[in-house]
Every structure is written in C-alpha cells, then in structure tokens.
PDB file of N, CA and C in Angstrom:
ATOM      1  N   UNK A   1      -8.421   4.293  -1.973  1.00  0.00           N
ATOM      2  CA  UNK A   1      -8.607   3.479  -0.782  1.00  0.00           C
ATOM      3  C   UNK A   1     -10.040   2.945  -0.776  1.00  0.00           C
ATOM      4  N   UNK A   2     -10.205   1.695  -0.498  1.00  0.00           N
ATOM      5  CA  UNK A   2     -11.519   1.051  -0.518  1.00  0.00           C
ATOM      6  C   UNK A   2     -12.389   1.565   0.630  1.00  0.00           C
ATOM      7  N   UNK A   3     -13.697   1.793   0.337  1.00  0.00           N
ATOM      8  CA  UNK A   3     -14.578   2.344   1.368  1.00  0.00           C
ATOM      9  C   UNK A   3     -15.871   1.551   1.572  1.00  0.00           C
ATOM     10  N   UNK A   4     -16.133   0.544   0.747  1.00  0.00           N
ATOM     11  CA  UNK A   4     -17.284  -0.333   0.980  1.00  0.00           C
ATOM     12  C   UNK A   4     -16.964  -1.732   0.471  1.00  0.00           C
ATOM     13  N   UNK A   5     -17.639  -2.719   1.048  1.00  0.00           N
ATOM     14  CA  UNK A   5     -17.327  -4.123   0.780  1.00  0.00           C
ATOM     15  C   UNK A   5     -18.603  -4.935   0.545  1.00  0.00           C
ATOM     16  N   UNK A   6     -19.313  -4.712  -0.558  1.00  0.00           N
ATOM     17  CA  UNK A   6     -20.547  -5.469  -0.814  1.00  0.00           C
ATOM     18  C   UNK A   6     -20.301  -6.971  -0.972  1.00  0.00           C
ATOM     19  N   UNK A   7     -19.111  -7.344  -1.380  1.00  0.00           N
ATOM     20  CA  UNK A   7     -18.787  -8.759  -1.588  1.00  0.00           C
ATOM     21  C   UNK A   7     -18.714  -9.554  -0.285  1.00  0.00           C
ATOM     22  N   UNK A   8     -18.736  -8.861   0.858  1.00  0.00           N
ATOM     23  CA  UNK A   8     -18.639  -9.552   2.146  1.00  0.00           C
ATOM     24  C   UNK A   8     -19.992  -9.991   2.707  1.00  0.00           C
ATOM     25  N   UNK A   9     -21.081  -9.528   2.108  1.00  0.00           N
ATOM     26  CA  UNK A   9     -22.406  -9.963   2.556  1.00  0.00           C
ATOM     27  C   UNK A   9     -22.499 -11.477   2.353  1.00  0.00           C
ATOM     28  N   UNK A  10     -22.887 -12.183   3.409  1.00  0.00           N
ATOM     29  CA  UNK A  10     -22.984 -13.638   3.363  1.00  0.00           C
ATOM     30  C   UNK A  10     -21.779 -14.356   3.949  1.00  0.00           C
ATOM     31  N   UNK A  11     -20.694 -13.612   4.213  1.00  0.00           N
ATOM     32  CA  UNK A  11     -19.492 -14.213   4.809  1.00  0.00           C
ATOM     33  C   UNK A  11     -19.580 -14.144   6.333  1.00  0.00           C
ATOM     34  N   UNK A  12     -18.715 -14.888   6.998  1.00  0.00           N
ATOM     35  CA  UNK A  12     -18.632 -14.832   8.459  1.00  0.00           C
ATOM     36  C   UNK A  12     -18.117 -13.457   8.886  1.00  0.00           C
ATOM     37  N   UNK A  13     -18.621 -12.941   9.990  1.00  0.00           N
ATOM     38  CA  UNK A  13     -18.246 -11.619  10.471  1.00  0.00           C
ATOM     39  C   UNK A  13     -16.763 -11.464  10.734  1.00  0.00           C
ATOM     40  N   UNK A  14     -16.147 -12.464  11.382  1.00  0.00           N
ATOM     41  CA  UNK A  14     -14.712 -12.385  11.692  1.00  0.00           C
ATOM     42  C   UNK A  14     -13.876 -12.343  10.417  1.00  0.00           C
ATOM     43  N   UNK A  15     -14.271 -13.141   9.430  1.00  0.00           N
ATOM     44  CA  UNK A  15     -13.563 -13.144   8.150  1.00  0.00           C
ATOM     45  C   UNK A  15     -13.698 -11.781   7.472  1.00  0.00           C
ATOM     46  N   UNK A  16     -14.901 -11.215   7.497  1.00  0.00           N
ATOM     47  CA  UNK A  16     -15.138  -9.902   6.902  1.00  0.00           C
ATOM     48  C   UNK A  16     -14.303  -8.831   7.600  1.00  0.00           C
ATOM     49  N   UNK A  17     -14.267  -8.874   8.926  1.00  0.00           N
ATOM     50  CA  UNK A  17     -13.477  -7.905   9.697  1.00  0.00           C
ATOM     51  C   UNK A  17     -12.010  -7.973   9.300  1.00  0.00           C
ATOM     52  N   UNK A  18     -11.467  -9.173   9.201  1.00  0.00           N
ATOM     53  CA  UNK A  18     -10.058  -9.339   8.820  1.00  0.00           C
ATOM     54  C   UNK A  18      -9.788  -8.785   7.427  1.00  0.00           C
ATOM     55  N   UNK A  19     -10.698  -9.034   6.489  1.00  0.00           N
ATOM     56  CA  UNK A  19     -10.532  -8.540   5.117  1.00  0.00           C
ATOM     57  C   UNK A  19     -10.545  -7.016   5.096  1.00  0.00           C
ATOM     58  N   UNK A  20     -11.493  -6.411   5.798  1.00  0.00           N
ATOM     59  CA  UNK A  20     -11.588  -4.947   5.838  1.00  0.00           C
ATOM     60  C   UNK A  20     -10.327  -4.348   6.446  1.00  0.00           C
ATOM     61  N   UNK A  21      -9.891  -4.891   7.578  1.00  0.00           N
ATOM     62  CA  UNK A  21      -8.689  -4.372   8.242  1.00  0.00           C
ATOM     63  C   UNK A  21      -7.460  -4.496   7.345  1.00  0.00           C
ATOM     64  N   UNK A  22      -7.412  -5.539   6.537  1.00  0.00           N
ATOM     65  CA  UNK A  22      -6.273  -5.751   5.643  1.00  0.00           C
ATOM     66  C   UNK A  22      -6.344  -4.830   4.413  1.00  0.00           C
ATOM     67  N   UNK A  23      -7.547  -4.623   3.871  1.00  0.00           N
ATOM     68  CA  UNK A  23      -7.696  -3.853   2.635  1.00  0.00           C
ATOM     69  C   UNK A  23      -7.680  -2.345   2.848  1.00  0.00           C
ATOM     70  N   UNK A  24      -7.996  -1.885   4.047  1.00  0.00           N
ATOM     71  CA  UNK A  24      -7.944  -0.450   4.337  1.00  0.00           C
ATOM     72  C   UNK A  24      -7.389  -0.281   5.746  1.00  0.00           C
ATOM     73  N   UNK A  25      -6.093  -0.010   5.822  1.00  0.00           N
ATOM     74  CA  UNK A  25      -5.414   0.076   7.118  1.00  0.00           C
ATOM     75  C   UNK A  25      -5.752   1.348   7.891  1.00  0.00           C
ATOM     76  N   UNK A  26      -6.503   2.266   7.280  1.00  0.00           N
ATOM     77  CA  UNK A  26      -6.868   3.510   7.965  1.00  0.00           C
ATOM     78  C   UNK A  26      -8.174   3.389   8.741  1.00  0.00           C
ATOM     79  N   UNK A  27      -8.830   2.220   8.658  1.00  0.00           N
ATOM     80  CA  UNK A  27     -10.090   2.041   9.374  1.00  0.00           C
ATOM     81  C   UNK A  27      -9.999   0.878  10.349  1.00  0.00           C
ATOM     82  N   UNK A  28     -10.935   0.873  11.298  1.00  0.00           N
ATOM     83  CA  UNK A  28     -11.052  -0.232  12.251  1.00  0.00           C
ATOM     84  C   UNK A  28     -12.451  -0.809  12.092  1.00  0.00           C
ATOM     85  N   UNK A  29     -12.528  -2.084  11.744  1.00  0.00           N
ATOM     86  CA  UNK A  29     -13.818  -2.753  11.585  1.00  0.00           C
ATOM     87  C   UNK A  29     -14.314  -3.239  12.938  1.00  0.00           C
ATOM     88  N   UNK A  30     -15.620  -3.072  13.164  1.00  0.00           N
ATOM     89  CA  UNK A  30     -16.265  -3.492  14.409  1.00  0.00           C
ATOM     90  C   UNK A  30     -17.446  -4.379  14.069  1.00  0.00           C
ATOM     91  N   UNK A  31     -17.523  -5.546  14.661  1.00  0.00           N
ATOM     92  CA  UNK A  31     -18.656  -6.436  14.440  1.00  0.00           C
ATOM     93  C   UNK A  31     -19.769  -6.067  15.416  1.00  0.00           C
ATOM     94  N   UNK A  32     -20.978  -5.843  14.865  1.00  0.00           N
ATOM     95  CA  UNK A  32     -22.140  -5.524  15.696  1.00  0.00           C
ATOM     96  C   UNK A  32     -23.346  -6.317  15.186  1.00  0.00           C
ATOM     97  N   UNK A  33     -24.351  -6.419  16.020  1.00  0.00           N
ATOM     98  CA  UNK A  33     -25.586  -7.098  15.641  1.00  0.00           C
ATOM     99  C   UNK A  33     -26.281  -6.328  14.525  1.00  0.00           C
ATOM    100  N   UNK A  34     -26.950  -7.053  13.635  1.00  0.00           N
ATOM    101  CA  UNK A  34     -27.620  -6.406  12.512  1.00  0.00           C
ATOM    102  C   UNK A  34     -28.721  -5.451  12.960  1.00  0.00           C
ATOM    103  N   UNK A  35     -29.254  -5.637  14.154  1.00  0.00           N
ATOM    104  CA  UNK A  35     -30.314  -4.751  14.632  1.00  0.00           C
ATOM    105  C   UNK A  35     -29.847  -3.802  15.740  1.00  0.00           C
ATOM    106  N   UNK A  36     -28.528  -3.672  15.899  1.00  0.00           N
ATOM    107  CA  UNK A  36     -27.984  -2.753  16.906  1.00  0.00           C
ATOM    108  C   UNK A  36     -28.311  -1.309  16.527  1.00  0.00           C
ATOM    109  N   UNK A  37     -28.627  -0.526  17.536  1.00  0.00           N
ATOM    110  CA  UNK A  37     -28.887   0.896  17.327  1.00  0.00           C
ATOM    111  C   UNK A  37     -27.586   1.646  17.587  1.00  0.00           C
ATOM    112  N   UNK A  38     -27.172   2.442  16.616  1.00  0.00           N
ATOM    113  CA  UNK A  38     -25.930   3.206  16.748  1.00  0.00           C
ATOM    114  C   UNK A  38     -26.220   4.677  16.481  1.00  0.00           C
ATOM    115  N   UNK A  39     -25.381   5.540  17.022  1.00  0.00           N
ATOM    116  CA  UNK A  39     -25.522   6.972  16.773  1.00  0.00           C
ATOM    117  C   UNK A  39     -25.249   7.273  15.306  1.00  0.00           C
ATOM    118  N   UNK A  40     -25.998   8.203  14.757  1.00  0.00           N
ATOM    119  CA  UNK A  40     -25.832   8.584  13.352  1.00  0.00           C
ATOM    120  C   UNK A  40     -24.712   9.609  13.218  1.00  0.00           C
ATOM    121  N   UNK A  41     -23.542   9.231  13.687  1.00  0.00           N
ATOM    122  CA  UNK A  41     -22.368  10.090  13.627  1.00  0.00           C
ATOM    123  C   UNK A  41     -21.373   9.450  12.670  1.00  0.00           C
ATOM    124  N   UNK A  42     -20.963  10.194  11.660  1.00  0.00           N
ATOM    125  CA  UNK A  42     -20.005   9.667  10.693  1.00  0.00           C
ATOM    126  C   UNK A  42     -18.612   9.694  11.307  1.00  0.00           C
ATOM    127  N   UNK A  43     -17.957   8.554  11.322  1.00  0.00           N
ATOM    128  CA  UNK A  43     -16.586   8.433  11.812  1.00  0.00           C
ATOM    129  C   UNK A  43     -15.778   7.815  10.682  1.00  0.00           C
ATOM    130  N   UNK A  44     -14.869   8.586  10.127  1.00  0.00           N
ATOM    131  CA  UNK A  44     -14.141   8.170   8.925  1.00  0.00           C
ATOM    132  C   UNK A  44     -13.155   7.034   9.156  1.00  0.00           C
ATOM    133  N   UNK A  45     -12.950   6.634  10.392  1.00  0.00           N
ATOM    134  CA  UNK A  45     -12.019   5.544  10.696  1.00  0.00           C
ATOM    135  C   UNK A  45     -12.753   4.283  11.144  1.00  0.00           C
ATOM    136  N   UNK A  46     -14.085   4.233  10.950  1.00  0.00           N
ATOM    137  CA  UNK A  46     -14.859   3.111  11.470  1.00  0.00           C
ATOM    138  C   UNK A  46     -15.665   2.436  10.361  1.00  0.00           C
ATOM    139  N   UNK A  47     -15.747   1.108  10.466  1.00  0.00           N
ATOM    140  CA  UNK A  47     -16.621   0.315   9.598  1.00  0.00           C
ATOM    141  C   UNK A  47     -17.396  -0.642  10.495  1.00  0.00           C
ATOM    142  N   UNK A  48     -18.712  -0.545  10.475  1.00  0.00           N
ATOM    143  CA  UNK A  48     -19.535  -1.507  11.201  1.00  0.00           C
ATOM    144  C   UNK A  48     -19.773  -2.717  10.309  1.00  0.00           C
ATOM    145  N   UNK A  49     -19.531  -3.890  10.860  1.00  0.00           N
ATOM    146  CA  UNK A  49     -19.827  -5.147  10.179  1.00  0.00           C
ATOM    147  C   UNK A  49     -21.050  -5.719  10.886  1.00  0.00           C
ATOM    148  N   UNK A  50     -22.203  -5.596  10.250  1.00  0.00           N
ATOM    149  CA  UNK A  50     -23.463  -6.035  10.864  1.00  0.00           C
ATOM    150  C   UNK A  50     -23.698  -7.508  10.562  1.00  0.00           C
ATOM    151  N   UNK A  51     -23.886  -8.276  11.640  1.00  0.00           N
ATOM    152  CA  UNK A  51     -24.071  -9.721  11.494  1.00  0.00           C
ATOM    153  C   UNK A  51     -25.381 -10.172  12.140  1.00  0.00           C
ATOM    154  N   UNK A  52     -25.894 -11.309  11.658  1.00  0.00           N
ATOM    155  CA  UNK A  52     -27.098 -11.896  12.248  1.00  0.00           C
ATOM    156  C   UNK A  52     -26.714 -12.787  13.428  1.00  0.00           C
ATOM    157  N   UNK A  53     -27.678 -13.508  13.967  1.00  0.00           N
ATOM    158  CA  UNK A  53     -27.432 -14.362  15.135  1.00  0.00           C
ATOM    159  C   UNK A  53     -26.452 -15.495  14.852  1.00  0.00           C
ATOM    160  N   UNK A  54     -26.266 -15.828  13.585  1.00  0.00           N
ATOM    161  CA  UNK A  54     -25.323 -16.888  13.196  1.00  0.00           C
ATOM    162  C   UNK A  54     -23.934 -16.334  12.882  1.00  0.00           C
ATOM    163  N   UNK A  55     -23.756 -15.000  13.017  1.00  0.00           N
ATOM    164  CA  UNK A  55     -22.456 -14.392  12.753  1.00  0.00           C
ATOM    165  C   UNK A  55     -22.182 -14.131  11.289  1.00  0.00           C
ATOM    166  N   UNK A  56     -23.237 -14.099  10.463  1.00  0.00           N
ATOM    167  CA  UNK A  56     -23.092 -13.880   9.029  1.00  0.00           C
ATOM    168  C   UNK A  56     -23.387 -12.418   8.703  1.00  0.00           C
ATOM    169  N   UNK A  57     -22.560 -11.807   7.856  1.00  0.00           N
ATOM    170  CA  UNK A  57     -22.733 -10.410   7.455  1.00  0.00           C
ATOM    171  C   UNK A  57     -24.032 -10.275   6.655  1.00  0.00           C
ATOM    172  N   UNK A  58     -24.885  -9.321   7.064  1.00  0.00           N
ATOM    173  CA  UNK A  58     -26.195  -9.158   6.434  1.00  0.00           C
ATOM    174  C   UNK A  58     -26.345  -7.859   5.658  1.00  0.00           C
ATOM    175  N   UNK A  59     -25.415  -6.913   5.858  1.00  0.00           N
ATOM    176  CA  UNK A  59     -25.484  -5.625   5.163  1.00  0.00           C
ATOM    177  C   UNK A  59     -24.094  -5.259   4.675  1.00  0.00           C
ATOM    178  N   UNK A  60     -24.030  -4.476   3.613  1.00  0.00           N
ATOM    179  CA  UNK A  60     -22.743  -4.056   3.074  1.00  0.00           C
ATOM    180  C   UNK A  60     -22.001  -3.196   4.087  1.00  0.00           C
ATOM    181  N   UNK A  61     -20.810  -3.621   4.513  1.00  0.00           N
ATOM    182  CA  UNK A  61     -19.996  -2.776   5.395  1.00  0.00           C
ATOM    183  C   UNK A  61     -19.442  -1.575   4.605  1.00  0.00           C
ATOM    184  N   UNK A  62     -19.427  -0.412   5.236  1.00  0.00           N
ATOM    185  CA  UNK A  62     -18.886   0.785   4.585  1.00  0.00           C
ATOM    186  C   UNK A  62     -18.263   1.706   5.621  1.00  0.00           C
ATOM    187  N   UNK A  63     -17.344   2.552   5.172  1.00  0.00           N
ATOM    188  CA  UNK A  63     -16.668   3.507   6.049  1.00  0.00           C
ATOM    189  C   UNK A  63     -17.682   4.550   6.497  1.00  0.00           C
ATOM    190  N   UNK A  64     -17.638   4.888   7.765  1.00  0.00           N
ATOM    191  CA  UNK A  64     -18.505   5.936   8.266  1.00  0.00           C
ATOM    192  C   UNK A  64     -19.175   5.522   9.509  1.00  0.00           C
TER     193      UNK A  64
END
C-alpha cells in the first residue's frame, strides 16, 4: 500500500488529495496550509497535503 507521494509536489492540492484518496483507500487526505501547526501525533489513516497560498503542494504528502 502506498504511503508517500513525492510526485505530487507542485500539483494543485485538490488534485493531490483525489490521487491520494484513490491510491490508498485506507487513508483520508486533508489539505492544510504549508505553515499550519499540527500536533505531532502519528495517525495511520491521515495524510496532510500541505499547500501554499496558491493551493500548490509544497511538501511530500505521507501517511501519519
């Protein structure tokens, strides 16, 4: 099962979210700001898709 998506950096956040949800049905992708502060709690069913002000993915999304 896929757990990281480096190829999505540079894509639109919504497109990245759809790809993640399609490629790994056990996780839920969430779009958040690239500078959002989140708790350092590993959640095996979550993928944060960090985007800039233009909605472009800036960091590799990964499970956790």
